[in-house]
Amino acid sequence: MNWDTQHQEHREWLSQLDFYQDEIKIFQHDLMDVVQKHPDYFHMVEHVDEYRSILLRKIQHIDDLRHRIMLHVRHLALDHQEIEDTHDILKSEMENFVQDFEEMKGNFRRFVSRNN
């Protein structure tokens, strides 16, 4: 894979991560709505806390991926095979993150819709 293709993929990944981070902000707002509508339901608070924890881990994962992508960009001038291997690993991790996030988003949306 040439440098231009990798660079384009990096920009796309960073854009995706920005999008997911914005979605998490929306999810956090939705959680607050659920809590305000059901402040007396203990089981609801447990679910909300669980989702808050999941969302915080997602933010940390986004930050980690963003950092690793930026490091990878800085090292593109190094050994091409090492960079290619690192790029493939990052690509796989991005694909896994997106799949995991989309699954979590479906579960989250079902939870919010049942409790609003």
C-alpha atoms as a PDB file:
ATOM      1  CA  MET A   1       0.000   0.000   0.000  1.00  0.00           C
ATOM      2  CA  ASN A   2       1.478   3.350  -0.940  1.00  0.00           C
ATOM      3  CA  TRP A   3       1.931   6.336   1.353  1.00  0.00           C
ATOM      4  CA  ASP A   4      -0.943   8.339  -0.195  1.00  0.00           C
ATOM      5  CA  THR A   5      -3.402   5.491   0.344  1.00  0.00           C
ATOM      6  CA  GLN A   6      -2.291   5.039   3.947  1.00  0.00           C
ATOM      7  CA  HIS A   7      -2.488   8.766   4.570  1.00  0.00           C
ATOM      8  CA  GLN A   8      -6.032   8.876   3.180  1.00  0.00           C
ATOM      9  CA  GLU A   9      -7.024   5.954   5.383  1.00  0.00           C
ATOM     10  CA  HIS A  10      -5.545   7.706   8.422  1.00  0.00           C
ATOM     11  CA  ARG A  11      -7.634  10.807   7.713  1.00  0.00           C
ATOM     12  CA  GLU A  12     -10.743   8.645   7.314  1.00  0.00           C
ATOM     13  CA  TRP A  13     -10.041   6.842  10.581  1.00  0.00           C
ATOM     14  CA  LEU A  14      -9.528  10.080  12.478  1.00  0.00           C
ATOM     15  CA  SER A  15     -12.756  11.426  11.012  1.00  0.00           C
ATOM     16  CA  GLN A  16     -14.585   8.254  12.065  1.00  0.00           C
ATOM     17  CA  LEU A  17     -13.210   8.570  15.577  1.00  0.00           C
ATOM     18  CA  ASP A  18     -14.388  12.192  15.751  1.00  0.00           C
ATOM     19  CA  PHE A  19     -17.847  11.036  14.653  1.00  0.00           C
ATOM     20  CA  TYR A  20     -17.994   8.305  17.299  1.00  0.00           C
ATOM     21  CA  GLN A  21     -16.826  10.714  19.973  1.00  0.00           C
ATOM     22  CA  ASP A  22     -19.662  13.079  18.987  1.00  0.00           C
ATOM     23  CA  GLU A  23     -22.114  10.171  19.147  1.00  0.00           C
ATOM     24  CA  ILE A  24     -20.940   9.356  22.654  1.00  0.00           C
ATOM     25  CA  LYS A  25     -21.763  12.921  23.722  1.00  0.00           C
ATOM     26  CA  ILE A  26     -25.296  12.399  22.388  1.00  0.00           C
ATOM     27  CA  PHE A  27     -25.534   9.059  24.216  1.00  0.00           C
ATOM     28  CA  GLN A  28     -24.436  10.711  27.451  1.00  0.00           C
ATOM     29  CA  HIS A  29     -27.199  13.278  27.027  1.00  0.00           C
ATOM     30  CA  ASP A  30     -29.716  10.485  26.361  1.00  0.00           C
ATOM     31  CA  LEU A  31     -28.612   8.760  29.583  1.00  0.00           C
ATOM     32  CA  MET A  32     -29.270  11.933  31.535  1.00  0.00           C
ATOM     33  CA  ASP A  33     -32.786  12.045  30.049  1.00  0.00           C
ATOM     34  CA  VAL A  34     -33.420   8.463  31.183  1.00  0.00           C
ATOM     35  CA  VAL A  35     -32.221   9.238  34.721  1.00  0.00           C
ATOM     36  CA  GLN A  36     -34.388  12.352  34.917  1.00  0.00           C
ATOM     37  CA  LYS A  37     -37.468  10.399  33.800  1.00  0.00           C
ATOM     38  CA  HIS A  38     -36.827   7.491  36.203  1.00  0.00           C
ATOM     39  CA  PRO A  39     -34.932   8.867  39.235  1.00  0.00           C
ATOM     40  CA  ASP A  40     -36.561   6.418  41.684  1.00  0.00           C
ATOM     41  CA  TYR A  41     -35.895   3.186  39.826  1.00  0.00           C
ATOM     42  CA  PHE A  42     -32.801   1.599  41.288  1.00  0.00           C
ATOM     43  CA  HIS A  43     -32.471  -0.973  38.498  1.00  0.00           C
ATOM     44  CA  MET A  44     -32.498   1.883  35.984  1.00  0.00           C
ATOM     45  CA  VAL A  45     -29.622   3.612  37.753  1.00  0.00           C
ATOM     46  CA  GLU A  46     -27.603   0.394  37.581  1.00  0.00           C
ATOM     47  CA  HIS A  47     -28.112   0.199  33.807  1.00  0.00           C
ATOM     48  CA  VAL A  48     -27.301   3.866  33.378  1.00  0.00           C
ATOM     49  CA  ASP A  49     -24.098   3.449  35.404  1.00  0.00           C
ATOM     50  CA  GLU A  50     -23.161   0.443  33.298  1.00  0.00           C
ATOM     51  CA  TYR A  51     -23.649   2.420  30.081  1.00  0.00           C
ATOM     52  CA  ARG A  52     -21.735   5.385  31.513  1.00  0.00           C
ATOM     53  CA  SER A  53     -18.842   3.032  32.210  1.00  0.00           C
ATOM     54  CA  ILE A  54     -19.041   1.542  28.705  1.00  0.00           C
ATOM     55  CA  LEU A  55     -19.080   5.005  27.133  1.00  0.00           C
ATOM     56  CA  LEU A  56     -16.074   6.105  29.173  1.00  0.00           C
ATOM     57  CA  ARG A  57     -14.159   3.031  28.015  1.00  0.00           C
ATOM     58  CA  LYS A  58     -15.136   3.854  24.420  1.00  0.00           C
ATOM     59  CA  ILE A  59     -13.781   7.388  24.844  1.00  0.00           C
ATOM     60  CA  GLN A  60     -10.531   5.979  26.213  1.00  0.00           C
ATOM     61  CA  HIS A  61     -10.339   3.534  23.305  1.00  0.00           C
ATOM     62  CA  ILE A  62     -10.938   6.382  20.843  1.00  0.00           C
ATOM     63  CA  ASP A  63      -8.170   8.426  22.446  1.00  0.00           C
ATOM     64  CA  ASP A  64      -5.810   5.452  22.331  1.00  0.00           C
ATOM     65  CA  LEU A  65      -6.573   4.732  18.668  1.00  0.00           C
ATOM     66  CA  ARG A  66      -6.215   8.412  17.752  1.00  0.00           C
ATOM     67  CA  HIS A  67      -2.841   8.568  19.513  1.00  0.00           C
ATOM     68  CA  ARG A  68      -1.585   5.392  17.836  1.00  0.00           C
ATOM     69  CA  ILE A  69      -2.707   6.591  14.403  1.00  0.00           C
ATOM     70  CA  MET A  70      -0.874   9.880  14.896  1.00  0.00           C
ATOM     71  CA  LEU A  71       2.274   8.022  15.981  1.00  0.00           C
ATOM     72  CA  HIS A  72       1.978   5.842  12.912  1.00  0.00           C
ATOM     73  CA  VAL A  73       1.691   8.905  10.676  1.00  0.00           C
ATOM     74  CA  ARG A  74       4.853  10.345  12.210  1.00  0.00           C
ATOM     75  CA  HIS A  75       6.775   7.143  11.541  1.00  0.00           C
ATOM     76  CA  LEU A  76       5.784   6.677   7.894  1.00  0.00           C
ATOM     77  CA  ALA A  77       9.297   7.586   6.804  1.00  0.00           C
ATOM     78  CA  LEU A  78      10.763   4.577   8.625  1.00  0.00           C
ATOM     79  CA  ASP A  79      11.108   0.996   7.471  1.00  0.00           C
ATOM     80  CA  HIS A  80       8.306   0.416   4.979  1.00  0.00           C
ATOM     81  CA  GLN A  81       7.584  -3.215   5.982  1.00  0.00           C
ATOM     82  CA  GLU A  82       7.327  -2.316   9.662  1.00  0.00           C
ATOM     83  CA  ILE A  83       5.002   0.555   8.763  1.00  0.00           C
ATOM     84  CA  GLU A  84       2.907  -1.714   6.546  1.00  0.00           C
ATOM     85  CA  ASP A  85       2.556  -4.244   9.386  1.00  0.00           C
ATOM     86  CA  THR A  86       1.613  -1.507  11.858  1.00  0.00           C
ATOM     87  CA  HIS A  87      -0.882  -0.075   9.398  1.00  0.00           C
ATOM     88  CA  ASP A  88      -2.533  -3.474   8.957  1.00  0.00           C
ATOM     89  CA  ILE A  89      -2.789  -3.879  12.734  1.00  0.00           C
ATOM     90  CA  LEU A  90      -4.347  -0.418  13.104  1.00  0.00           C
ATOM     91  CA  LYS A  91      -6.737  -1.150  10.244  1.00  0.00           C
ATOM     92  CA  SER A  92      -7.868  -4.340  11.953  1.00  0.00           C
ATOM     93  CA  GLU A  93      -8.293  -2.536  15.282  1.00  0.00           C
ATOM     94  CA  MET A  94     -10.338   0.210  13.629  1.00  0.00           C
ATOM     95  CA  GLU A  95     -12.588  -2.377  11.975  1.00  0.00           C
ATOM     96  CA  ASN A  96     -13.042  -4.174  15.313  1.00  0.00           C
ATOM     97  CA  PHE A  97     -13.762  -0.895  17.109  1.00  0.00           C
ATOM     98  CA  VAL A  98     -16.391   0.120  14.548  1.00  0.00           C
ATOM     99  CA  GLN A  99     -18.095  -3.292  14.714  1.00  0.00           C
ATOM    100  CA  ASP A 100     -18.078  -3.271  18.529  1.00  0.00           C
ATOM    101  CA  PHE A 101     -19.312   0.321  18.672  1.00  0.00           C
ATOM    102  CA  GLU A 102     -22.186  -0.338  16.273  1.00  0.00           C
ATOM    103  CA  GLU A 103     -23.264  -3.343  18.346  1.00  0.00           C
ATOM    104  CA  MET A 104     -23.115  -1.283  21.544  1.00  0.00           C
ATOM    105  CA  LYS A 105     -25.057   1.517  19.823  1.00  0.00           C
ATOM    106  CA  GLY A 106     -27.887  -0.863  18.909  1.00  0.00           C
ATOM    107  CA  ASN A 107     -28.113  -2.140  22.482  1.00  0.00           C
ATOM    108  CA  PHE A 108     -27.959   1.396  23.837  1.00  0.00           C
ATOM    109  CA  ARG A 109     -30.696   2.676  21.514  1.00  0.00           C
ATOM    110  CA  ARG A 110     -32.970  -0.217  22.537  1.00  0.00           C
ATOM    111  CA  PHE A 111     -32.343   0.576  26.223  1.00  0.00           C
ATOM    112  CA  VAL A 112     -33.107   4.278  25.767  1.00  0.00           C
ATOM    113  CA  SER A 113     -36.213   3.656  23.658  1.00  0.00           C
ATOM    114  CA  ARG A 114     -37.616   1.245  26.283  1.00  0.00           C
ATOM    115  CA  ASN A 115     -37.027   3.782  29.059  1.00  0.00           C
ATOM    116  CA  ASN A 116     -38.128   7.055  27.510  1.00  0.00           C
END
